[in-house]
N, C-alpha and C. Protein backbone atom coordinates (compact mmCIF):
# COMPACT_ATOMS: atom_id res chain seq x y z
N UNK A 1 128.27 94.68 282.98
CA UNK A 1 129.26 93.98 282.20
C UNK A 1 128.67 92.69 281.66
N UNK A 2 128.96 92.37 280.41
CA UNK A 2 128.42 91.17 279.79
C UNK A 2 129.15 89.92 280.29
N UNK A 3 128.36 88.85 280.48
CA UNK A 3 128.95 87.58 280.83
C UNK A 3 129.32 86.84 279.56
N UNK A 4 130.00 85.71 279.70
CA UNK A 4 130.38 84.91 278.52
C UNK A 4 129.14 84.45 277.76
N UNK A 5 128.07 84.11 278.48
CA UNK A 5 126.85 83.65 277.83
C UNK A 5 126.21 84.78 277.02
N UNK A 6 126.24 86.00 277.54
CA UNK A 6 125.67 87.13 276.80
C UNK A 6 126.47 87.42 275.53
N UNK A 7 127.77 87.25 275.59
CA UNK A 7 128.61 87.49 274.43
C UNK A 7 128.37 86.47 273.34
N UNK A 8 127.88 85.28 273.69
CA UNK A 8 127.71 84.20 272.74
C UNK A 8 126.37 84.25 272.02
N UNK A 9 125.59 85.30 272.20
CA UNK A 9 124.30 85.41 271.54
C UNK A 9 124.50 85.50 270.03
N UNK A 10 123.85 84.62 269.33
CA UNK A 10 124.00 84.56 267.87
C UNK A 10 123.33 85.77 267.21
N UNK A 11 123.85 86.19 266.07
CA UNK A 11 123.19 87.28 265.34
C UNK A 11 121.75 86.88 264.99
N UNK A 12 120.86 87.83 265.09
CA UNK A 12 119.46 87.56 264.78
C UNK A 12 118.63 87.23 266.00
N UNK A 13 119.23 87.25 267.17
CA UNK A 13 118.50 86.91 268.40
C UNK A 13 118.78 87.97 269.46
N UNK A 14 117.74 88.31 270.20
CA UNK A 14 117.90 89.21 271.34
C UNK A 14 118.10 88.40 272.62
N UNK A 15 117.23 87.42 272.82
CA UNK A 15 117.31 86.52 273.96
C UNK A 15 117.38 85.10 273.39
N UNK A 16 118.52 84.43 273.50
CA UNK A 16 118.63 83.09 272.94
C UNK A 16 117.69 82.10 273.61
N UNK A 17 117.31 81.08 272.88
CA UNK A 17 116.36 80.08 273.37
C UNK A 17 116.86 79.42 274.66
N UNK A 18 118.13 79.08 274.73
CA UNK A 18 118.65 78.41 275.93
C UNK A 18 118.45 79.26 277.18
N UNK A 19 118.61 80.55 277.05
CA UNK A 19 118.42 81.46 278.20
C UNK A 19 116.93 81.58 278.54
N UNK A 20 116.08 81.72 277.52
CA UNK A 20 114.64 81.86 277.75
C UNK A 20 114.05 80.58 278.33
N UNK A 21 114.55 79.44 277.88
CA UNK A 21 114.05 78.14 278.35
C UNK A 21 114.22 78.00 279.86
N UNK A 22 115.30 78.56 280.42
CA UNK A 22 115.54 78.49 281.85
C UNK A 22 114.51 79.28 282.65
N UNK A 23 113.90 80.30 282.03
CA UNK A 23 112.92 81.13 282.72
C UNK A 23 111.52 80.51 282.71
N UNK A 24 111.29 79.54 281.84
CA UNK A 24 109.97 78.95 281.66
C UNK A 24 109.77 77.73 282.55
N UNK A 25 108.51 77.42 282.91
CA UNK A 25 108.27 76.18 283.66
C UNK A 25 108.49 74.97 282.75
N UNK A 26 108.53 73.80 283.35
CA UNK A 26 108.74 72.56 282.59
C UNK A 26 107.67 72.42 281.51
N UNK A 27 108.09 72.01 280.32
CA UNK A 27 107.16 71.87 279.20
C UNK A 27 106.66 70.45 279.09
N UNK A 28 105.37 70.33 278.79
CA UNK A 28 104.79 69.00 278.60
C UNK A 28 104.48 68.73 277.13
N UNK A 29 104.59 69.74 276.31
CA UNK A 29 104.29 69.60 274.89
C UNK A 29 105.55 69.48 274.05
N UNK A 30 105.44 69.88 272.80
CA UNK A 30 106.53 69.79 271.84
C UNK A 30 107.50 70.96 272.02
N UNK A 31 108.63 70.68 272.61
CA UNK A 31 109.61 71.73 272.89
C UNK A 31 110.16 72.34 271.60
N UNK A 32 110.34 71.55 270.58
CA UNK A 32 110.87 72.06 269.31
C UNK A 32 109.93 73.07 268.68
N UNK A 33 108.63 72.86 268.83
CA UNK A 33 107.65 73.82 268.30
C UNK A 33 107.74 75.14 269.07
N UNK A 34 107.84 75.05 270.38
CA UNK A 34 107.96 76.26 271.20
C UNK A 34 109.25 76.99 270.85
N UNK A 35 110.34 76.26 270.68
CA UNK A 35 111.63 76.86 270.32
C UNK A 35 111.53 77.57 268.97
N UNK A 36 110.90 76.93 268.00
CA UNK A 36 110.76 77.53 266.66
C UNK A 36 109.97 78.84 266.73
N UNK A 37 108.86 78.82 267.44
CA UNK A 37 108.03 80.02 267.57
C UNK A 37 108.80 81.11 268.32
N UNK A 38 109.51 80.75 269.40
CA UNK A 38 110.29 81.74 270.15
C UNK A 38 111.34 82.39 269.27
N UNK A 39 112.06 81.59 268.50
CA UNK A 39 113.11 82.15 267.66
C UNK A 39 112.55 83.06 266.57
N UNK A 40 111.37 82.72 266.03
CA UNK A 40 110.74 83.58 265.03
C UNK A 40 110.30 84.90 265.64
N UNK A 41 109.70 84.85 266.81
CA UNK A 41 109.23 86.06 267.48
C UNK A 41 110.42 86.90 267.97
N UNK A 42 111.45 86.25 268.47
CA UNK A 42 112.61 86.95 269.00
C UNK A 42 113.42 87.65 267.91
N UNK A 43 113.30 87.20 266.68
CA UNK A 43 114.04 87.84 265.59
C UNK A 43 113.43 89.19 265.20
N UNK A 44 112.17 89.42 265.52
CA UNK A 44 111.51 90.66 265.12
C UNK A 44 112.13 91.91 265.75
N UNK A 45 112.37 91.95 267.08
CA UNK A 45 113.01 93.16 267.62
C UNK A 45 114.42 93.36 267.08
N UNK A 46 115.14 92.28 266.84
CA UNK A 46 116.49 92.38 266.28
C UNK A 46 116.43 93.03 264.89
N UNK A 47 115.49 92.58 264.08
CA UNK A 47 115.32 93.14 262.74
C UNK A 47 114.92 94.61 262.82
N UNK A 48 114.03 94.94 263.73
CA UNK A 48 113.58 96.32 263.91
C UNK A 48 114.75 97.22 264.29
N UNK A 49 115.55 96.77 265.25
CA UNK A 49 116.69 97.57 265.69
C UNK A 49 117.64 97.83 264.54
N UNK A 50 117.97 96.79 263.77
CA UNK A 50 118.87 96.98 262.63
C UNK A 50 118.26 97.88 261.57
N UNK A 51 116.97 97.80 261.37
CA UNK A 51 116.32 98.68 260.39
C UNK A 51 116.45 100.14 260.83
N UNK A 52 116.31 100.40 262.14
CA UNK A 52 116.46 101.75 262.64
C UNK A 52 117.90 102.24 262.47
N UNK A 53 118.87 101.37 262.70
CA UNK A 53 120.27 101.73 262.55
C UNK A 53 120.57 102.09 261.08
N UNK A 54 120.06 101.30 260.18
CA UNK A 54 120.33 101.51 258.75
C UNK A 54 119.56 102.73 258.23
N UNK A 55 118.37 102.95 258.73
CA UNK A 55 117.53 104.04 258.23
C UNK A 55 118.01 105.42 258.65
N UNK A 56 118.63 105.50 259.82
CA UNK A 56 119.03 106.82 260.31
C UNK A 56 120.50 106.85 260.39
């Protein structure tokens, strides 16, 4: 069963940054850069899944 946090996942994301950030160790570098890269990479499986839905 989905929790409230799982239901709040924005379109275009599989694992939201706030959830992924909790799994990572403390960051010493630029967190905004890591967040940007994560969101770009995380959008790829979402796009792939929707492409499969539309294609078939």
